[in-house]
Amino acid sequence: MMSEILTCTWAPTVMSVPRLSRKSRAESGVAIPELSGAVLKEHLLAPVRFAEQIGIDCLLIAQRWWGTGDEIEGSTYDCLAMTAMYAAHTERIRLVTAVHPGFFLPGPIAKWGATLDRITGGRWAINVTSGWHEAEFGMYGAELLEHDDRYARSREFIEVLRRAWSGDAFNFEGRFYNLRGLRLEPRPVSHSLEVWQGGQSEAAIAMAAQCSDWMFLNGGPPEKIATIIEAVRKRAAAAGRRVRFALYAIPLCRTTDAEANGQIEKMVASIDPETVARKRARTSGARGMWSVSDDPLTVLDSNEGYASRLIGSPKTVLRKMREFHALGVDCFHLTLHDPLFNREVLPALRGG
C-alpha cells in the first residue's frame, strides 16, 4: 500500500522572481514592491492562509540572503522572522524553515526550533540547506567551504540538533562545532526532529541517506527522479534508514492537453538565452542541480519545476502525479498559481 501524498508550497517571502523569458524581462512591475507595516503583513499572510484553506500540508520558508531578482530569485525576508510570524497566524500547516549551516550555529538554532515546536504544538521542521550561492557567504561573513565540506558541516549541524532534541545534556567535539553541556530548556514537544534537505550531488545523496528524513528534489522527468530516489534508497537501506522525497513541480493545468502544451511551447519560445547563461554561471556553486541540459523546460523557472511536466488537462496532470508517487515521491512541492489545478487536481489527489 502506497503512503499518503503530501503537498508543500513556498512561503511568499521572496522580494522578486527570476525573469528568464523575453516577455518577463520586457514587462514592468515584475519585482514585488518593498512594502512595510500592515500592507506587507497582509501581502505575506494572504497566500499562506489560502494554502492552509485548500489543505496544503507544508510551508517551506526559504532563505535567499542575496539575489538579483533577474537570473535568480531576489533576496527574501528573513526565514526565522517569517517562520515566527507564520506560526502566529496558522493553525494546521507544517512550517519547514530553511537554515544554512555556516550562517547559524546549531546550538542556538536548536533552542529557537524547540521554542517554535512548542509554540506550534509540534508543527515545526528544519530544512538544512548547505548552500550553493557562493557570493552570499562573503557578504554575511560566513565561511565558504568547498562543496563537499559544506555537506560535511551540515551533517555535524544535524547531529548536534538531533542530540539536543533527545533531552540529555551532552558535549560535542567535531570538525566544525564544539559544545559543552548543551541541554534544551524548555523542551520541544515533538518526540523527534524532522529534517529536510535539498541537493542532488553525491555529497547530498550521502547526507540524505545518513541524516535526513526528507529530500527536496528539483523538478525533472520520471526517469531522472527515479534514478535519484533509487540511489538514496539503496544507501539509506544500508544504514537501516528510510528517506522520503518531495518533488518540485509547477502545474500548468488547462481544459485540454492541447491547450496546455500550446502554452508551454510559447513559454519555451520566449526563453532569453543570455539570461539563462547568466543563471548557469550564478548557480555554478551547486552540483547535481541546474546542470546543463537539452531539456528547455529546465530553464523556465528557478528550480526546474516545469521539467516535472505536470502539464495538461486535470486528468492528465493527476495521472502524472500518481506515476511519480508510484516511483517514491511522497510530497509534491508546488506553486499555487494555477486555479484549475487548485480546484480540480488537488481535491482528487486527496482521493487516492
Protein backbone atom coordinates (compact mmCIF):
# COMPACT_ATOMS: atom_id res chain seq x y z
CA MET A 1 0.00 0.00 0.00
CA MET A 2 1.38 3.40 -1.03
CA SER A 3 1.76 6.16 1.54
CA GLU A 4 -0.32 9.31 1.64
CA ILE A 5 0.55 12.00 -0.89
CA LEU A 6 1.52 15.24 0.85
CA THR A 7 1.81 18.74 -0.58
CA CYS A 8 4.11 21.68 0.11
CA THR A 9 4.35 25.24 -1.17
CA TRP A 10 6.68 28.20 -0.83
CA ALA A 11 6.14 30.88 1.75
CA PRO A 12 5.81 34.16 -0.21
CA THR A 13 8.93 35.76 1.26
CA VAL A 14 10.96 36.43 -1.91
CA MET A 15 11.11 40.07 -2.97
CA SER A 16 11.42 39.43 -6.72
CA VAL A 17 11.23 36.49 -9.09
CA PRO A 18 13.60 35.47 -11.91
CA ARG A 19 12.93 36.91 -15.34
CA LEU A 20 14.14 34.22 -17.74
CA SER A 21 11.99 34.97 -20.78
CA ARG A 22 11.98 37.88 -23.18
CA LYS A 23 8.39 38.65 -22.21
CA SER A 24 9.05 38.79 -18.48
CA ARG A 25 12.14 40.96 -18.99
CA ALA A 26 10.13 43.41 -21.09
CA GLU A 27 7.30 43.69 -18.58
CA SER A 28 7.37 46.28 -15.84
CA GLY A 29 6.29 45.61 -12.27
CA VAL A 30 7.72 42.09 -12.02
CA ALA A 31 9.54 42.81 -8.80
CA ILE A 32 7.43 42.62 -5.65
CA PRO A 33 7.26 46.14 -4.18
CA GLU A 34 9.16 46.82 -0.99
CA LEU A 35 6.16 47.13 1.31
CA SER A 36 6.10 47.66 5.05
CA GLY A 37 3.80 47.56 8.04
CA ALA A 38 0.25 46.23 7.79
CA VAL A 39 0.32 46.17 3.98
CA LEU A 40 3.43 43.97 3.94
CA LYS A 41 1.99 41.71 6.63
CA GLU A 42 -1.17 41.10 4.62
CA HIS A 43 0.87 40.54 1.45
CA LEU A 44 2.87 37.83 3.23
CA LEU A 45 -0.06 36.22 5.04
CA ALA A 46 -2.78 36.04 2.38
CA PRO A 47 -1.16 33.29 0.25
CA VAL A 48 -0.38 31.25 3.37
CA ARG A 49 -3.96 31.49 4.59
CA PHE A 50 -5.06 30.32 1.14
CA ALA A 51 -2.62 27.38 1.22
CA GLU A 52 -3.90 26.30 4.62
CA GLN A 53 -7.51 26.71 3.48
CA ILE A 54 -7.10 24.39 0.48
CA GLY A 55 -5.31 21.75 2.53
CA ILE A 56 -1.61 22.17 1.70
CA ASP A 57 0.39 20.18 4.26
CA CYS A 58 3.73 22.03 4.47
CA LEU A 59 5.02 25.57 4.05
CA LEU A 60 8.70 25.96 3.09
CA ILE A 61 10.16 29.21 4.40
CA ALA A 62 13.22 29.66 2.21
CA GLN A 63 16.23 31.92 2.73
CA ARG A 64 17.93 33.78 -0.10
CA TRP A 65 20.45 36.02 1.61
CA TRP A 66 21.03 37.96 -1.58
CA GLY A 67 19.72 37.59 -5.11
CA THR A 68 19.44 39.65 -8.25
CA GLY A 69 15.77 39.01 -9.00
CA ASP A 70 16.93 38.70 -12.59
CA GLU A 71 18.54 35.37 -13.46
CA ILE A 72 17.86 34.00 -9.95
CA GLU A 73 15.28 34.90 -7.32
CA GLY A 74 15.79 38.05 -5.34
CA SER A 75 16.56 38.35 -1.66
CA THR A 76 13.96 37.11 0.83
CA TYR A 77 12.68 38.35 4.11
CA ASP A 78 14.50 36.57 6.94
CA CYS A 79 13.49 32.93 7.40
CA LEU A 80 13.48 32.99 11.21
CA ALA A 81 11.35 36.12 11.48
CA MET A 82 8.95 34.84 8.82
CA THR A 83 8.58 31.43 10.49
CA ALA A 84 7.69 33.10 13.76
CA MET A 85 5.08 35.25 12.04
CA TYR A 86 3.52 32.30 10.21
CA ALA A 87 3.48 30.30 13.44
CA ALA A 88 1.36 33.04 15.00
CA HIS A 89 -1.13 33.15 12.12
CA THR A 90 -1.64 29.50 11.13
CA GLU A 91 -3.30 26.55 12.83
CA ARG A 92 -2.55 23.40 10.87
CA ILE A 93 0.11 23.78 8.17
CA ARG A 94 3.60 22.39 8.96
CA LEU A 95 6.35 25.02 8.95
CA VAL A 96 9.65 23.96 7.35
CA THR A 97 12.40 26.55 7.84
CA ALA A 98 15.45 26.62 5.58
CA VAL A 99 18.58 27.12 7.69
CA HIS A 100 22.12 27.45 6.30
CA PRO A 101 24.92 25.99 8.45
CA GLY A 102 27.77 28.48 8.34
CA PHE A 103 25.36 31.37 8.80
CA PHE A 104 23.96 29.92 12.05
CA LEU A 105 25.33 27.86 14.95
CA PRO A 106 23.46 24.60 15.66
CA GLY A 107 23.00 25.20 19.40
CA PRO A 108 21.07 28.48 19.07
CA ILE A 109 19.03 27.04 16.18
CA ALA A 110 18.16 24.03 18.34
CA LYS A 111 16.95 26.45 21.02
CA TRP A 112 14.97 28.53 18.54
CA GLY A 113 13.48 25.44 16.88
CA ALA A 114 12.45 23.88 20.18
CA THR A 115 10.63 27.10 21.03
CA LEU A 116 8.81 27.10 17.68
CA ASP A 117 7.98 23.43 18.09
CA ARG A 118 6.42 24.08 21.49
CA ILE A 119 4.53 27.22 20.39
CA THR A 120 3.06 25.45 17.35
CA GLY A 121 2.28 22.19 19.09
CA GLY A 122 4.80 20.22 17.04
CA ARG A 123 4.34 21.86 13.64
CA TRP A 124 7.97 22.84 13.03
CA ALA A 125 10.64 21.10 10.92
CA ILE A 126 14.02 22.19 9.55
CA ASN A 127 15.36 22.22 6.00
CA VAL A 128 19.16 22.07 6.37
CA THR A 129 20.50 23.89 3.31
CA SER A 130 24.22 23.50 2.71
CA GLY A 131 24.33 26.46 0.32
CA TRP A 132 25.22 26.94 -3.34
CA HIS A 133 25.09 30.73 -3.88
CA GLU A 134 28.71 31.37 -3.02
CA ALA A 135 28.55 35.19 -3.11
CA GLU A 136 26.25 35.15 -0.07
CA PHE A 137 28.88 33.67 2.24
CA GLY A 138 31.34 36.54 1.98
CA MET A 139 28.58 39.13 2.16
CA TYR A 140 27.48 37.90 5.56
CA GLY A 141 30.84 36.84 6.96
CA ALA A 142 30.08 33.12 6.74
CA GLU A 143 32.92 30.73 5.98
CA LEU A 144 32.72 29.46 2.39
CA LEU A 145 33.92 25.86 2.39
CA GLU A 146 34.44 23.61 -0.60
CA HIS A 147 31.26 21.94 -1.86
CA ASP A 148 31.63 18.58 -0.14
CA ASP A 149 32.90 20.21 3.06
CA ARG A 150 29.70 22.25 3.20
CA TYR A 151 27.78 18.97 3.36
CA ALA A 152 30.17 17.63 5.99
CA ARG A 153 29.42 20.72 8.07
CA SER A 154 25.69 20.17 7.56
CA ARG A 155 25.99 16.60 8.81
CA GLU A 156 27.59 17.81 12.04
CA PHE A 157 24.91 20.50 12.31
CA ILE A 158 22.17 17.86 12.09
CA GLU A 159 23.93 15.61 14.59
CA VAL A 160 24.01 18.43 17.14
CA LEU A 161 20.33 19.22 16.54
CA ARG A 162 19.23 15.63 16.94
CA ARG A 163 21.26 15.12 20.11
CA ALA A 164 19.90 18.35 21.57
CA TRP A 165 16.37 17.14 20.74
CA SER A 166 16.95 13.88 22.62
CA GLY A 167 16.81 15.54 26.03
CA ASP A 168 20.11 14.55 27.61
CA ALA A 169 22.84 17.12 28.22
CA PHE A 170 25.87 16.38 26.05
CA ASN A 171 29.26 17.55 24.91
CA PHE A 172 30.18 17.63 21.25
CA GLU A 173 33.62 17.88 19.68
CA GLY A 174 33.59 17.91 15.92
CA ARG A 175 35.45 19.31 12.97
CA PHE A 176 33.17 22.35 12.74
CA TYR A 177 31.36 22.66 16.08
CA ASN A 178 32.27 22.29 19.75
CA LEU A 179 29.68 22.46 22.55
CA ARG A 180 29.79 21.83 26.29
CA GLY A 181 26.84 20.51 28.29
CA LEU A 182 24.12 21.52 25.83
CA ARG A 183 20.58 20.84 27.00
CA LEU A 184 17.42 22.48 25.63
CA GLU A 185 15.04 24.13 28.07
CA PRO A 186 12.14 24.34 27.50
CA ARG A 187 11.96 21.02 25.77
CA PRO A 188 10.37 20.57 22.32
CA VAL A 189 7.04 18.72 22.30
CA SER A 190 7.90 16.57 19.26
CA HIS A 191 9.48 13.23 20.08
CA SER A 192 11.95 13.57 17.23
CA LEU A 193 13.22 16.33 14.97
CA GLU A 194 12.10 16.15 11.32
CA VAL A 195 14.97 17.07 9.00
CA TRP A 196 14.58 18.04 5.34
CA GLN A 197 17.37 18.83 2.89
CA GLY A 198 17.97 19.72 -0.72
CA GLY A 199 20.73 18.95 -3.19
CA GLN A 200 21.27 16.22 -5.74
CA SER A 201 25.05 15.81 -5.77
CA GLU A 202 26.88 12.75 -4.47
CA ALA A 203 27.56 14.57 -1.21
CA ALA A 204 23.86 15.46 -0.90
CA ILE A 205 22.79 11.88 -1.57
CA ALA A 206 25.22 10.57 1.06
CA MET A 207 23.96 13.10 3.62
CA ALA A 208 20.33 12.24 2.93
CA ALA A 209 20.96 8.54 3.37
CA GLN A 210 22.72 9.06 6.71
CA CYS A 211 20.99 12.08 8.26
CA SER A 212 17.75 13.36 6.77
CA ASP A 213 14.09 12.34 6.80
CA TRP A 214 13.09 14.14 3.61
CA MET A 215 14.91 15.17 0.44
CA PHE A 216 13.72 18.03 -1.74
CA LEU A 217 14.33 17.30 -5.43
CA ASN A 218 14.48 19.82 -8.23
CA GLY A 219 11.96 19.09 -10.96
CA GLY A 220 12.62 16.57 -13.69
CA PRO A 221 11.09 13.76 -15.73
CA PRO A 222 10.26 10.40 -14.12
CA GLU A 223 13.41 8.63 -15.32
CA LYS A 224 15.67 11.25 -13.73
CA ILE A 225 13.73 11.34 -10.47
CA ALA A 226 13.60 7.54 -10.26
CA THR A 227 17.39 7.34 -10.58
CA ILE A 228 17.96 9.76 -7.69
CA ILE A 229 15.38 8.06 -5.48
CA GLU A 230 16.88 4.64 -6.09
CA ALA A 231 20.40 5.87 -5.27
CA VAL A 232 19.29 7.41 -1.98
CA ARG A 233 17.09 4.46 -1.03
CA LYS A 234 19.92 2.00 -1.59
CA ARG A 235 22.33 3.90 0.65
CA ALA A 236 19.68 4.60 3.28
CA ALA A 237 18.72 0.93 3.45
CA ALA A 238 22.36 0.01 4.07
CA ALA A 239 22.27 2.38 7.06
CA GLY A 240 18.95 0.98 8.28
CA ARG A 241 17.12 4.19 7.44
CA ARG A 242 14.25 5.41 5.26
CA VAL A 243 14.23 8.70 3.36
CA ARG A 244 11.16 10.27 1.77
CA PHE A 245 11.10 12.58 -1.24
CA ALA A 246 9.47 15.88 -2.20
CA LEU A 247 9.46 16.81 -5.89
CA TYR A 248 9.32 20.39 -7.07
CA ALA A 249 6.72 20.88 -9.79
CA ILE A 250 4.93 23.87 -11.30
CA PRO A 251 1.50 22.82 -12.57
CA LEU A 252 0.26 24.09 -15.90
CA CYS A 253 -3.29 22.79 -15.98
CA ARG A 254 -5.73 23.66 -18.77
CA THR A 255 -9.03 22.26 -20.01
CA THR A 256 -7.28 20.11 -22.62
CA ASP A 257 -3.80 18.70 -23.10
CA ALA A 258 -3.52 20.58 -26.40
CA GLU A 259 -4.20 23.92 -24.73
CA ALA A 260 -1.61 23.28 -22.01
CA ASN A 261 1.01 22.04 -24.46
CA GLY A 262 0.44 25.06 -26.67
CA GLN A 263 1.06 27.39 -23.77
CA ILE A 264 4.28 25.69 -22.68
CA GLU A 265 5.55 25.82 -26.26
CA LYS A 266 5.04 29.58 -26.28
CA MET A 267 6.90 29.86 -22.99
CA VAL A 268 9.84 27.87 -24.36
CA ALA A 269 9.94 30.03 -27.48
CA SER A 270 10.25 33.15 -25.32
CA ILE A 271 13.33 31.98 -23.34
CA ASP A 272 16.07 34.61 -23.19
CA PRO A 273 19.35 32.71 -23.79
CA GLU A 274 21.55 35.46 -22.36
CA THR A 275 19.69 35.43 -19.05
CA VAL A 276 19.82 31.63 -18.94
CA ALA A 277 23.59 31.75 -19.46
CA ARG A 278 23.92 34.17 -16.55
CA LYS A 279 21.77 31.89 -14.40
CA ARG A 280 24.05 28.93 -15.12
CA ALA A 281 27.09 30.98 -14.14
CA ARG A 282 25.37 32.22 -10.98
CA THR A 283 24.43 28.68 -9.87
CA SER A 284 27.84 27.13 -10.56
CA GLY A 285 28.35 26.54 -6.83
CA ALA A 286 25.78 23.74 -6.94
CA ARG A 287 26.35 20.23 -8.22
CA GLY A 288 23.65 17.90 -9.48
CA MET A 289 21.10 20.69 -9.81
CA TRP A 290 20.70 23.12 -12.70
CA SER A 291 23.10 21.01 -14.74
CA VAL A 292 23.34 21.88 -18.42
CA SER A 293 20.51 20.03 -20.13
CA ASP A 294 18.99 19.75 -23.57
CA ASP A 295 15.56 19.94 -21.94
CA PRO A 296 14.34 23.55 -22.42
CA LEU A 297 11.78 23.18 -19.62
CA THR A 298 14.58 23.18 -17.04
CA VAL A 299 15.30 26.87 -17.63
CA LEU A 300 11.77 28.26 -17.41
CA ASP A 301 11.92 28.83 -13.64
CA SER A 302 14.22 28.83 -10.62
CA ASN A 303 14.18 25.14 -9.66
CA GLU A 304 13.24 23.26 -12.85
CA GLY A 305 9.62 22.95 -11.80
CA TYR A 306 8.19 22.83 -15.31
CA ALA A 307 10.57 19.95 -16.10
CA SER A 308 8.38 17.70 -13.92
CA ARG A 309 5.79 18.18 -16.67
CA LEU A 310 2.61 18.49 -14.67
CA ILE A 311 1.26 19.91 -17.91
CA GLY A 312 -2.11 19.02 -19.42
CA SER A 313 -5.74 18.57 -18.52
CA PRO A 314 -6.71 17.88 -14.89
CA LYS A 315 -6.96 14.18 -15.69
CA THR A 316 -3.51 14.11 -17.31
CA VAL A 317 -1.83 16.07 -14.52
CA LEU A 318 -3.38 13.84 -11.85
CA ARG A 319 -2.19 10.72 -13.68
CA LYS A 320 1.36 12.08 -13.88
CA MET A 321 1.39 12.88 -10.16
CA ARG A 322 0.27 9.37 -9.28
CA GLU A 323 3.01 7.95 -11.52
CA PHE A 324 5.60 9.98 -9.62
CA HIS A 325 4.10 8.77 -6.36
CA ALA A 326 4.50 5.18 -7.52
CA LEU A 327 8.23 5.92 -8.03
CA GLY A 328 8.58 7.12 -4.44
CA VAL A 329 7.55 10.79 -4.44
CA ASP A 330 5.54 11.23 -1.24
CA CYS A 331 5.24 15.02 -1.37
CA PHE A 332 4.79 17.50 -4.21
CA HIS A 333 6.39 20.89 -3.68
CA LEU A 334 4.08 23.10 -5.71
CA THR A 335 3.28 26.64 -6.72
CA LEU A 336 -0.38 27.53 -6.27
CA HIS A 337 -0.82 29.97 -9.16
CA ASP A 338 -2.93 27.66 -11.36
CA PRO A 339 -6.63 27.95 -10.41
CA LEU A 340 -7.76 24.90 -12.40
CA PHE A 341 -5.11 22.74 -10.73
CA ASN A 342 -6.10 24.01 -7.29
CA ARG A 343 -9.78 23.46 -7.97
CA GLU A 344 -9.79 20.08 -9.71
CA VAL A 345 -6.48 18.27 -9.20
CA LEU A 346 -5.67 18.89 -5.54
CA PRO A 347 -9.00 17.54 -4.22
CA ALA A 348 -8.73 14.49 -6.50
CA LEU A 349 -5.18 13.87 -5.29
CA ARG A 350 -6.51 13.53 -1.76
CA GLY A 351 -8.96 10.93 -3.03
CA GLY A 352 -6.14 8.46 -3.70
